[in-house]
C-alpha atoms as a PDB file:
ATOM      1  CA  VAL A   1      -5.446 -21.328  62.460  1.00  0.00           C
ATOM      2  CA  GLN A   2      -5.595 -24.113  59.900  1.00  0.00           C
ATOM      3  CA  LEU A   3      -2.711 -26.475  59.277  1.00  0.00           C
ATOM      4  CA  GLN A   4      -2.214 -28.713  56.257  1.00  0.00           C
ATOM      5  CA  ALA A   5       0.606 -31.233  56.363  1.00  0.00           C
ATOM      6  CA  SER A   6       1.950 -32.906  53.240  1.00  0.00           C
ATOM      7  CA  GLY A   7       4.958 -34.761  51.881  1.00  0.00           C
ATOM      8  CA  GLY A   8       4.681 -38.125  53.554  1.00  0.00           C
ATOM      9  CA  GLY A   9       5.462 -41.355  51.767  1.00  0.00           C
ATOM     10  CA  LEU A  10       7.641 -44.428  51.611  1.00  0.00           C
ATOM     11  CA  VAL A  11      11.413 -44.133  51.868  1.00  0.00           C
ATOM     12  CA  GLN A  12      14.230 -46.606  52.330  1.00  0.00           C
ATOM     13  CA  ALA A  13      16.337 -46.630  55.445  1.00  0.00           C
ATOM     14  CA  GLY A  14      19.107 -44.086  55.111  1.00  0.00           C
ATOM     15  CA  GLY A  15      17.051 -41.986  52.759  1.00  0.00           C
ATOM     16  CA  SER A  16      15.482 -38.548  53.087  1.00  0.00           C
ATOM     17  CA  LEU A  17      12.027 -37.062  53.087  1.00  0.00           C
ATOM     18  CA  ARG A  18      10.711 -33.540  53.485  1.00  0.00           C
ATOM     19  CA  LEU A  19       7.396 -32.714  55.089  1.00  0.00           C
ATOM     20  CA  SER A  20       5.657 -29.389  54.761  1.00  0.00           C
ATOM     21  CA  CYS A  21       2.979 -27.705  56.830  1.00  0.00           C
ATOM     22  CA  ALA A  22       0.969 -24.866  55.345  1.00  0.00           C
ATOM     23  CA  VAL A  23      -0.397 -22.438  57.918  1.00  0.00           C
ATOM     24  CA  SER A  24      -3.439 -20.298  57.209  1.00  0.00           C
ATOM     25  CA  GLY A  25      -6.003 -18.312  59.131  1.00  0.00           C
ATOM     26  CA  ARG A  26      -4.981 -16.357  62.219  1.00  0.00           C
ATOM     27  CA  THR A  27      -1.300 -17.055  61.750  1.00  0.00           C
ATOM     28  CA  LEU A  28      -0.272 -14.518  64.390  1.00  0.00           C
ATOM     29  CA  SER A  29      -1.798 -16.895  66.919  1.00  0.00           C
ATOM     30  CA  ALA A  30       0.879 -19.443  66.083  1.00  0.00           C
ATOM     31  CA  TYR A  31       3.907 -18.524  68.190  1.00  0.00           C
ATOM     32  CA  ARG A  32       5.652 -21.864  67.936  1.00  0.00           C
ATOM     33  CA  MET A  33       5.310 -24.609  65.339  1.00  0.00           C
ATOM     34  CA  GLY A  34       5.937 -28.152  66.386  1.00  0.00           C
ATOM     35  CA  TRP A  35       6.210 -31.531  64.730  1.00  0.00           C
ATOM     36  CA  PHE A  36       4.946 -34.639  66.429  1.00  0.00           C
ATOM     37  CA  ARG A  37       4.700 -38.258  65.381  1.00  0.00           C
ATOM     38  CA  GLN A  38       2.754 -41.319  66.384  1.00  0.00           C
ATOM     39  CA  ALA A  39       3.946 -44.802  65.593  1.00  0.00           C
ATOM     40  CA  PRO A  40       1.537 -47.759  65.538  1.00  0.00           C
ATOM     41  CA  GLY A  41       0.615 -48.782  69.048  1.00  0.00           C
ATOM     42  CA  LYS A  42       2.519 -45.933  70.645  1.00  0.00           C
ATOM     43  CA  ASP A  43       1.683 -42.563  72.111  1.00  0.00           C
ATOM     44  CA  ARG A  44       2.195 -39.425  70.114  1.00  0.00           C
ATOM     45  CA  GLU A  45       5.653 -38.017  70.719  1.00  0.00           C
ATOM     46  CA  PHE A  46       7.180 -34.607  70.266  1.00  0.00           C
ATOM     47  CA  VAL A  47       9.859 -34.336  67.576  1.00  0.00           C
ATOM     48  CA  GLY A  48      10.876 -30.693  67.612  1.00  0.00           C
ATOM     49  CA  HIS A  49       9.758 -27.118  67.143  1.00  0.00           C
ATOM     50  CA  VAL A  50      10.634 -23.800  65.538  1.00  0.00           C
ATOM     51  CA  ILE A  51       9.833 -20.342  66.820  1.00  0.00           C
ATOM     52  CA  TRP A  52       8.177 -18.208  64.157  1.00  0.00           C
ATOM     53  CA  SER A  53       9.815 -14.953  65.194  1.00  0.00           C
ATOM     54  CA  ASP A  54      13.488 -15.903  65.204  1.00  0.00           C
ATOM     55  CA  GLY A  55      13.683 -19.367  63.667  1.00  0.00           C
ATOM     56  CA  SER A  56      15.253 -20.956  66.715  1.00  0.00           C
ATOM     57  CA  THR A  57      14.733 -24.684  66.924  1.00  0.00           C
ATOM     58  CA  TYR A  58      14.687 -27.542  69.391  1.00  0.00           C
ATOM     59  CA  TYR A  59      14.836 -31.286  68.765  1.00  0.00           C
ATOM     60  CA  VAL A  60      14.512 -34.417  70.795  1.00  0.00           C
ATOM     61  CA  ASP A  61      17.668 -36.462  71.051  1.00  0.00           C
ATOM     62  CA  SER A  62      16.417 -39.278  68.827  1.00  0.00           C
ATOM     63  CA  VAL A  63      16.278 -36.987  65.769  1.00  0.00           C
ATOM     64  CA  LYS A  64      18.966 -34.448  66.594  1.00  0.00           C
ATOM     65  CA  GLY A  65      21.483 -34.205  63.775  1.00  0.00           C
ATOM     66  CA  ARG A  66      19.166 -35.975  61.344  1.00  0.00           C
ATOM     67  CA  PHE A  67      16.056 -33.790  61.248  1.00  0.00           C
ATOM     68  CA  THR A  68      15.858 -30.078  60.543  1.00  0.00           C
ATOM     69  CA  ILE A  69      12.863 -27.830  61.070  1.00  0.00           C
ATOM     70  CA  SER A  70      12.634 -24.541  59.216  1.00  0.00           C
ATOM     71  CA  ARG A  71      10.022 -21.909  58.560  1.00  0.00           C
ATOM     72  CA  ASP A  72       9.268 -19.604  55.648  1.00  0.00           C
ATOM     73  CA  ASN A  73       7.549 -16.513  56.952  1.00  0.00           C
ATOM     74  CA  ALA A  74       6.672 -15.225  53.492  1.00  0.00           C
ATOM     75  CA  LYS A  75       4.916 -18.466  52.516  1.00  0.00           C
ATOM     76  CA  ASN A  76       3.591 -19.293  56.008  1.00  0.00           C
ATOM     77  CA  THR A  77       5.016 -22.774  55.811  1.00  0.00           C
ATOM     78  CA  VAL A  78       7.040 -24.935  58.145  1.00  0.00           C
ATOM     79  CA  SER A  79       9.157 -27.817  56.924  1.00  0.00           C
ATOM     80  CA  LEU A  80      10.630 -30.919  58.464  1.00  0.00           C
ATOM     81  CA  GLN A  81      13.639 -32.227  56.577  1.00  0.00           C
ATOM     82  CA  MET A  82      14.384 -35.807  57.575  1.00  0.00           C
ATOM     83  CA  ASN A  83      17.732 -37.366  56.646  1.00  0.00           C
ATOM     84  CA  SER A  84      19.417 -40.656  57.478  1.00  0.00           C
ATOM     85  CA  MET A  85      16.037 -42.097  58.214  1.00  0.00           C
ATOM     86  CA  LYS A  86      15.559 -45.220  60.267  1.00  0.00           C
ATOM     87  CA  SER A  87      12.777 -47.767  60.501  1.00  0.00           C
ATOM     88  CA  GLU A  88      11.863 -46.361  63.909  1.00  0.00           C
ATOM     89  CA  ASP A  89      10.989 -43.062  62.216  1.00  0.00           C
ATOM     90  CA  THR A  90       7.941 -44.766  60.733  1.00  0.00           C
ATOM     91  CA  ALA A  91       4.886 -42.927  62.037  1.00  0.00           C
ATOM     92  CA  VAL A  92       2.117 -40.526  61.236  1.00  0.00           C
ATOM     93  CA  TYR A  93       3.616 -37.051  61.456  1.00  0.00           C
ATOM     94  CA  TYR A  94       1.632 -34.041  62.609  1.00  0.00           C
ATOM     95  CA  CYS A  95       2.365 -30.353  62.601  1.00  0.00           C
ATOM     96  CA  ALA A  96       0.900 -28.222  65.336  1.00  0.00           C
ATOM     97  CA  ALA A  97       0.809 -24.585  66.368  1.00  0.00           C
ATOM     98  CA  ALA A  98       1.340 -23.395  69.911  1.00  0.00           C
ATOM     99  CA  ASN A  99       0.535 -20.133  71.661  1.00  0.00           C
ATOM    100  CA  PRO A 100       3.212 -18.190  73.589  1.00  0.00           C
ATOM    101  CA  LEU A 101       2.539 -20.353  76.642  1.00  0.00           C
ATOM    102  CA  GLY A 102       3.603 -23.395  74.658  1.00  0.00           C
ATOM    103  CA  THR A 103       0.169 -24.967  74.495  1.00  0.00           C
ATOM    104  CA  TYR A 104      -0.445 -26.683  71.187  1.00  0.00           C
ATOM    105  CA  LEU A 105      -3.910 -25.540  70.207  1.00  0.00           C
ATOM    106  CA  TYR A 106      -4.037 -26.277  66.490  1.00  0.00           C
ATOM    107  CA  TRP A 107      -3.221 -29.509  64.701  1.00  0.00           C
ATOM    108  CA  GLY A 108      -2.845 -30.644  61.136  1.00  0.00           C
ATOM    109  CA  GLN A 109      -4.368 -33.841  59.841  1.00  0.00           C
ATOM    110  CA  GLY A 110      -1.191 -35.933  59.855  1.00  0.00           C
ATOM    111  CA  THR A 111       0.809 -37.485  57.057  1.00  0.00           C
ATOM    112  CA  GLN A 112       2.106 -41.053  56.951  1.00  0.00           C
ATOM    113  CA  VAL A 113       5.844 -41.692  56.769  1.00  0.00           C
ATOM    114  CA  THR A 114       7.047 -45.246  56.274  1.00  0.00           C
ATOM    115  CA  VAL A 115      10.710 -46.207  56.331  1.00  0.00           C
ATOM    116  CA  SER A 116      11.536 -49.603  54.874  1.00  0.00           C
ATOM    117  CA  SER A 117      14.579 -51.468  56.126  1.00  0.00           C
END
């Protein structure tokens, strides 16, 4: 499975940004697609995930109500729509694919998101 994240950039606080993750290769191996982020000097943290089969989602509290993860089965893409962005959302964002056990085995290269206050 190969993952290619895109869509990062600079946005003002309160603004929106949409990230995309293109999935190729053995896509059936990707049961769950997750988004993670890593801010400077901090550990990588989980943001949320979507289940390929039924589109159900989960988010951490810090982004709940502001971020939305969706998938397009026909295009094999997963998106992260980020609204009402805050400076603390500044990070490198990664998409990742997990097997049915929830182990994230495949990672994209990361895309930088910077929120200016």
